Amino acid sequence: MATVLSVSGSPSPTSRTARLLRHLDTRLVDQGHQVVPLDVRTLSAQALLGADFGHPDIVRAAELFARADGVVIGTPVYKAAYSGLLKSLLDVLPQYALAGKTVLPLATGGSTAHVLAIDYALRPVLSSMGADHIVQGWFVLDRHITVGADDSVVLEPGTADSLGRIVDTFSEALAGRHRPLLAAAG
């Protein structure tokens, strides 16, 4: 199937956003996709903030984007926008790093007051980076994500159902990119 880059823009090592992404990665793998996780917080802060395009971390991240067929971008919402860490990464990637890609934007936050952050803050940036197809994004309330003692993720049932449909739509969009074109019968 497709190669999916699963990007967490959370600065926290115990992030619900990252855990949610890794939970969803499993669903994508079960659907036959190869998933490559990228936690932006593991990249060099100095390279990100100094826009060091030649730094090995930045070069590697750009290569991961280039090789991906699809990208899932997850971010916590702070002050009605995606994280500054994610912004730092997007700023150092090539202008059209998402050209030819199918993208699924996801956000987490503490209040439904931030639900429009995907459409008004993140989606325009993803579009300006050339994304071919940005599927319907989804906002998840922090309280709907529970982390077990074994680091397993449990989603509130309604959230789990909605996210399942969103991920399946993303997967179907990716599969559509990889269908062989059949010659028209003449």
C-alpha atoms as a PDB file:
ATOM      1  CA  MET A   1       0.000   0.000   0.000  1.00  0.00           C
ATOM      2  CA  ALA A   2       1.315   3.447   0.935  1.00  0.00           C
ATOM      3  CA  THR A   3       4.036   4.860   3.137  1.00  0.00           C
ATOM      4  CA  VAL A   4       2.613   7.161   5.814  1.00  0.00           C
ATOM      5  CA  LEU A   5       4.658   9.639   7.825  1.00  0.00           C
ATOM      6  CA  SER A   6       3.001  10.113  11.227  1.00  0.00           C
ATOM      7  CA  VAL A   7       4.192  13.438  12.675  1.00  0.00           C
ATOM      8  CA  SER A   8       3.687  14.502  16.283  1.00  0.00           C
ATOM      9  CA  GLY A   9       4.139  18.226  16.825  1.00  0.00           C
ATOM     10  CA  SER A  10       3.904  17.976  20.607  1.00  0.00           C
ATOM     11  CA  PRO A  11       6.815  19.172  22.733  1.00  0.00           C
ATOM     12  CA  SER A  12       5.851  16.875  25.627  1.00  0.00           C
ATOM     13  CA  PRO A  13       7.455  13.442  26.104  1.00  0.00           C
ATOM     14  CA  THR A  14       4.184  12.240  27.713  1.00  0.00           C
ATOM     15  CA  SER A  15       1.996  13.783  25.042  1.00  0.00           C
ATOM     16  CA  ARG A  16      -1.551  12.591  24.493  1.00  0.00           C
ATOM     17  CA  THR A  17      -1.161  13.801  20.918  1.00  0.00           C
ATOM     18  CA  ALA A  18       1.807  11.505  20.237  1.00  0.00           C
ATOM     19  CA  ARG A  19       0.113   8.599  21.980  1.00  0.00           C
ATOM     20  CA  LEU A  20      -3.037   9.149  19.942  1.00  0.00           C
ATOM     21  CA  LEU A  21      -0.988   9.140  16.743  1.00  0.00           C
ATOM     22  CA  ARG A  22       0.836   5.932  17.662  1.00  0.00           C
ATOM     23  CA  HIS A  23      -2.579   4.385  18.448  1.00  0.00           C
ATOM     24  CA  LEU A  24      -3.877   5.409  15.014  1.00  0.00           C
ATOM     25  CA  ASP A  25      -0.647   4.223  13.356  1.00  0.00           C
ATOM     26  CA  THR A  26      -1.630   0.693  14.381  1.00  0.00           C
ATOM     27  CA  ARG A  27      -4.900   0.992  12.490  1.00  0.00           C
ATOM     28  CA  LEU A  28      -3.052   2.179   9.381  1.00  0.00           C
ATOM     29  CA  VAL A  29      -0.554  -0.699   9.638  1.00  0.00           C
ATOM     30  CA  ASP A  30      -3.477  -3.124   9.998  1.00  0.00           C
ATOM     31  CA  GLN A  31      -4.820  -1.691   6.730  1.00  0.00           C
ATOM     32  CA  GLY A  32      -1.555  -2.552   4.983  1.00  0.00           C
ATOM     33  CA  HIS A  33       0.290   0.766   5.109  1.00  0.00           C
ATOM     34  CA  GLN A  34       3.882   1.234   6.203  1.00  0.00           C
ATOM     35  CA  VAL A  35       3.947   3.868   8.953  1.00  0.00           C
ATOM     36  CA  VAL A  36       7.015   5.894   9.891  1.00  0.00           C
ATOM     37  CA  PRO A  37       6.627   7.845  13.161  1.00  0.00           C
ATOM     38  CA  LEU A  38       8.316  11.226  13.613  1.00  0.00           C
ATOM     39  CA  ASP A  39       8.213  13.031  16.949  1.00  0.00           C
ATOM     40  CA  VAL A  40       9.372  16.569  16.150  1.00  0.00           C
ATOM     41  CA  ARG A  41      10.535  17.028  19.762  1.00  0.00           C
ATOM     42  CA  THR A  42      13.347  14.533  19.052  1.00  0.00           C
ATOM     43  CA  LEU A  43      14.869  16.798  16.384  1.00  0.00           C
ATOM     44  CA  SER A  44      17.577  19.289  17.266  1.00  0.00           C
ATOM     45  CA  ALA A  45      15.945  22.379  18.794  1.00  0.00           C
ATOM     46  CA  GLN A  46      18.928  24.468  17.742  1.00  0.00           C
ATOM     47  CA  ALA A  47      18.571  23.300  14.130  1.00  0.00           C
ATOM     48  CA  LEU A  48      14.814  23.956  14.124  1.00  0.00           C
ATOM     49  CA  LEU A  49      15.007  27.399  15.716  1.00  0.00           C
ATOM     50  CA  GLY A  50      18.138  28.411  13.799  1.00  0.00           C
ATOM     51  CA  ALA A  51      16.693  27.198  10.476  1.00  0.00           C
ATOM     52  CA  ASP A  52      19.792  25.070   9.899  1.00  0.00           C
ATOM     53  CA  PHE A  53      18.643  23.435   6.669  1.00  0.00           C
ATOM     54  CA  GLY A  54      21.851  21.385   6.415  1.00  0.00           C
ATOM     55  CA  HIS A  55      21.616  19.865   9.897  1.00  0.00           C
ATOM     56  CA  PRO A  56      21.307  16.052   9.700  1.00  0.00           C
ATOM     57  CA  ASP A  57      18.008  16.096  11.655  1.00  0.00           C
ATOM     58  CA  ILE A  58      16.446  18.568   9.225  1.00  0.00           C
ATOM     59  CA  VAL A  59      17.807  16.746   6.174  1.00  0.00           C
ATOM     60  CA  ARG A  60      16.449  13.437   7.528  1.00  0.00           C
ATOM     61  CA  ALA A  61      13.022  14.966   8.255  1.00  0.00           C
ATOM     62  CA  ALA A  62      12.835  16.428   4.740  1.00  0.00           C
ATOM     63  CA  GLU A  63      13.746  13.015   3.305  1.00  0.00           C
ATOM     64  CA  LEU A  64      10.995  11.347   5.345  1.00  0.00           C
ATOM     65  CA  PHE A  65       8.458  13.812   3.949  1.00  0.00           C
ATOM     66  CA  ALA A  66       9.772  13.282   0.411  1.00  0.00           C
ATOM     67  CA  ARG A  67       9.413   9.480   0.644  1.00  0.00           C
ATOM     68  CA  ALA A  68       5.912   9.524   2.159  1.00  0.00           C
ATOM     69  CA  ASP A  69       2.761   9.027   0.131  1.00  0.00           C
ATOM     70  CA  GLY A  70       0.648  10.372   2.972  1.00  0.00           C
ATOM     71  CA  VAL A  71       1.235  12.396   6.101  1.00  0.00           C
ATOM     72  CA  VAL A  72      -0.687  12.408   9.361  1.00  0.00           C
ATOM     73  CA  ILE A  73       0.062  15.585  11.284  1.00  0.00           C
ATOM     74  CA  GLY A  74      -0.931  15.710  14.924  1.00  0.00           C
ATOM     75  CA  THR A  75      -0.608  18.716  17.183  1.00  0.00           C
ATOM     76  CA  PRO A  76      -1.810  19.932  20.505  1.00  0.00           C
ATOM     77  CA  VAL A  77      -3.622  23.242  20.253  1.00  0.00           C
ATOM     78  CA  TYR A  78      -2.163  26.139  22.214  1.00  0.00           C
ATOM     79  CA  LYS A  79      -3.792  29.575  22.111  1.00  0.00           C
ATOM     80  CA  ALA A  80      -6.048  28.568  19.198  1.00  0.00           C
ATOM     81  CA  ALA A  81      -3.210  27.410  16.924  1.00  0.00           C
ATOM     82  CA  TYR A  82      -0.975  24.428  16.290  1.00  0.00           C
ATOM     83  CA  SER A  83       2.210  24.076  18.329  1.00  0.00           C
ATOM     84  CA  GLY A  84       5.229  26.290  17.803  1.00  0.00           C
ATOM     85  CA  LEU A  85       7.343  23.144  17.577  1.00  0.00           C
ATOM     86  CA  LEU A  86       5.332  21.962  14.584  1.00  0.00           C
ATOM     87  CA  LYS A  87       5.575  25.458  13.077  1.00  0.00           C
ATOM     88  CA  SER A  88       9.362  25.314  13.438  1.00  0.00           C
ATOM     89  CA  LEU A  89       9.475  22.055  11.486  1.00  0.00           C
ATOM     90  CA  LEU A  90       7.106  23.221   8.759  1.00  0.00           C
ATOM     91  CA  ASP A  91       9.204  26.386   8.369  1.00  0.00           C
ATOM     92  CA  VAL A  92      12.426  24.457   7.625  1.00  0.00           C
ATOM     93  CA  LEU A  93      10.906  21.995   5.176  1.00  0.00           C
ATOM     94  CA  PRO A  94      10.999  22.745   1.455  1.00  0.00           C
ATOM     95  CA  GLN A  95       8.156  25.017   0.321  1.00  0.00           C
ATOM     96  CA  TYR A  96       6.355  22.189  -1.478  1.00  0.00           C
ATOM     97  CA  ALA A  97       7.227  19.342   0.893  1.00  0.00           C
ATOM     98  CA  LEU A  98       3.612  18.142   0.776  1.00  0.00           C
ATOM     99  CA  ALA A  99       3.230  18.204  -3.016  1.00  0.00           C
ATOM    100  CA  GLY A 100       1.654  14.984  -4.199  1.00  0.00           C
ATOM    101  CA  LYS A 101       0.728  13.962  -0.639  1.00  0.00           C
ATOM    102  CA  THR A 102      -2.532  13.078   1.021  1.00  0.00           C
ATOM    103  CA  VAL A 103      -2.631  14.711   4.457  1.00  0.00           C
ATOM    104  CA  LEU A 104      -4.676  14.037   7.579  1.00  0.00           C
ATOM    105  CA  PRO A 105      -4.549  16.869  10.153  1.00  0.00           C
ATOM    106  CA  LEU A 106      -5.377  15.975  13.762  1.00  0.00           C
ATOM    107  CA  ALA A 107      -5.415  18.164  16.862  1.00  0.00           C
ATOM    108  CA  THR A 108      -5.880  17.648  20.568  1.00  0.00           C
ATOM    109  CA  GLY A 109      -6.846  20.170  23.201  1.00  0.00           C
ATOM    110  CA  GLY A 110      -8.593  20.844  26.447  1.00  0.00           C
ATOM    111  CA  SER A 111     -11.584  22.755  25.115  1.00  0.00           C
ATOM    112  CA  THR A 112     -13.916  22.705  22.131  1.00  0.00           C
ATOM    113  CA  ALA A 113     -13.127  26.422  21.832  1.00  0.00           C
ATOM    114  CA  HIS A 114     -10.074  25.295  19.833  1.00  0.00           C
ATOM    115  CA  VAL A 115     -11.864  23.012  17.405  1.00  0.00           C
ATOM    116  CA  LEU A 116     -11.462  25.429  14.476  1.00  0.00           C
ATOM    117  CA  ALA A 117      -7.662  25.517  14.810  1.00  0.00           C
ATOM    118  CA  ILE A 118      -7.363  22.785  12.203  1.00  0.00           C
ATOM    119  CA  ASP A 119      -9.332  24.659   9.546  1.00  0.00           C
ATOM    120  CA  TYR A 120      -8.184  28.191  10.307  1.00  0.00           C
ATOM    121  CA  ALA A 121      -4.575  27.719  11.420  1.00  0.00           C
ATOM    122  CA  LEU A 122      -3.202  24.385  10.173  1.00  0.00           C
ATOM    123  CA  ARG A 123      -5.055  23.641   6.932  1.00  0.00           C
ATOM    124  CA  PRO A 124      -3.920  26.854   5.145  1.00  0.00           C
ATOM    125  CA  VAL A 125      -0.261  26.061   5.890  1.00  0.00           C
ATOM    126  CA  LEU A 126      -0.621  22.481   4.682  1.00  0.00           C
ATOM    127  CA  SER A 127      -2.312  23.732   1.540  1.00  0.00           C
ATOM    128  CA  SER A 128       0.417  26.317   0.911  1.00  0.00           C
ATOM    129  CA  MET A 129       2.965  23.494   1.129  1.00  0.00           C
ATOM    130  CA  GLY A 130       1.307  21.851  -1.881  1.00  0.00           C
ATOM    131  CA  ALA A 131      -0.719  19.058  -0.298  1.00  0.00           C
ATOM    132  CA  ASP A 132      -2.683  17.327  -3.052  1.00  0.00           C
ATOM    133  CA  HIS A 133      -5.519  16.242  -0.823  1.00  0.00           C
ATOM    134  CA  ILE A 134      -6.178  17.277   2.767  1.00  0.00           C
ATOM    135  CA  VAL A 135      -8.828  14.947   4.140  1.00  0.00           C
ATOM    136  CA  GLN A 136     -11.263  16.014   6.834  1.00  0.00           C
ATOM    137  CA  GLY A 137      -9.263  16.701   9.979  1.00  0.00           C
ATOM    138  CA  TRP A 138     -10.353  15.900  13.496  1.00  0.00           C
ATOM    139  CA  PHE A 139     -10.093  17.532  16.918  1.00  0.00           C
ATOM    140  CA  VAL A 140      -9.978  15.316  20.018  1.00  0.00           C
ATOM    141  CA  LEU A 141     -10.581  16.566  23.528  1.00  0.00           C
ATOM    142  CA  ASP A 142      -7.789  15.588  25.913  1.00  0.00           C
ATOM    143  CA  ARG A 143     -10.301  14.103  28.332  1.00  0.00           C
ATOM    144  CA  HIS A 144     -11.393  11.615  25.648  1.00  0.00           C
ATOM    145  CA  ILE A 145      -7.899  10.081  25.569  1.00  0.00           C
ATOM    146  CA  THR A 146      -6.979   7.859  28.514  1.00  0.00           C
ATOM    147  CA  VAL A 147      -3.518   6.406  28.921  1.00  0.00           C
ATOM    148  CA  GLY A 148      -3.295   3.116  30.794  1.00  0.00           C
ATOM    149  CA  ALA A 149      -0.548   2.067  33.200  1.00  0.00           C
ATOM    150  CA  ASP A 150       0.978   0.054  30.336  1.00  0.00           C
ATOM    151  CA  ASP A 151       0.930   3.165  28.072  1.00  0.00           C
ATOM    152  CA  SER A 152      -2.002   1.761  26.099  1.00  0.00           C
ATOM    153  CA  VAL A 153      -4.451   4.306  24.746  1.00  0.00           C
ATOM    154  CA  VAL A 154      -8.175   4.072  25.321  1.00  0.00           C
ATOM    155  CA  LEU A 155     -10.462   6.477  23.514  1.00  0.00           C
ATOM    156  CA  GLU A 156     -13.930   7.481  24.595  1.00  0.00           C
ATOM    157  CA  PRO A 157     -16.251   5.288  22.443  1.00  0.00           C
ATOM    158  CA  GLY A 158     -17.747   8.119  20.350  1.00  0.00           C
ATOM    159  CA  THR A 159     -14.291   9.549  19.725  1.00  0.00           C
ATOM    160  CA  ALA A 160     -12.948   6.118  18.781  1.00  0.00           C
ATOM    161  CA  ASP A 161     -15.747   5.633  16.249  1.00  0.00           C
ATOM    162  CA  SER A 162     -15.295   9.080  14.701  1.00  0.00           C
ATOM    163  CA  LEU A 163     -11.528   8.762  14.485  1.00  0.00           C
ATOM    164  CA  GLY A 164     -11.870   5.306  12.987  1.00  0.00           C
ATOM    165  CA  ARG A 165     -13.989   6.721  10.167  1.00  0.00           C
ATOM    166  CA  ILE A 166     -11.553   9.613   9.637  1.00  0.00           C
ATOM    167  CA  VAL A 167      -8.534   7.287   9.484  1.00  0.00           C
ATOM    168  CA  ASP A 168     -10.391   4.934   7.143  1.00  0.00           C
ATOM    169  CA  THR A 169     -11.202   7.867   4.827  1.00  0.00           C
ATOM    170  CA  PHE A 170      -7.518   8.841   4.837  1.00  0.00           C
ATOM    171  CA  SER A 171      -6.545   5.232   4.095  1.00  0.00           C
ATOM    172  CA  GLU A 172      -9.038   5.037   1.225  1.00  0.00           C
ATOM    173  CA  ALA A 173      -7.680   8.296  -0.214  1.00  0.00           C
ATOM    174  CA  LEU A 174      -4.175   6.827  -0.081  1.00  0.00           C
ATOM    175  CA  ALA A 175      -5.350   3.612  -1.726  1.00  0.00           C
ATOM    176  CA  GLY A 176      -6.941   5.681  -4.493  1.00  0.00           C
ATOM    177  CA  ARG A 177      -3.538   7.225  -5.236  1.00  0.00           C
ATOM    178  CA  HIS A 178      -2.062   3.749  -5.741  1.00  0.00           C
ATOM    179  CA  ARG A 179      -4.718   2.166  -7.924  1.00  0.00           C
ATOM    180  CA  PRO A 180      -3.338   1.279 -11.327  1.00  0.00           C
ATOM    181  CA  LEU A 181      -4.944   3.177 -14.151  1.00  0.00           C
ATOM    182  CA  LEU A 182      -6.779   0.827 -16.464  1.00  0.00           C
ATOM    183  CA  ALA A 183      -6.825   1.501 -20.150  1.00  0.00           C
ATOM    184  CA  ALA A 184     -10.275   2.302 -21.415  1.00  0.00           C
ATOM    185  CA  ALA A 185     -11.804  -0.499 -23.425  1.00  0.00           C
ATOM    186  CA  GLY A 186     -11.896   0.487 -27.037  1.00  0.00           C
END
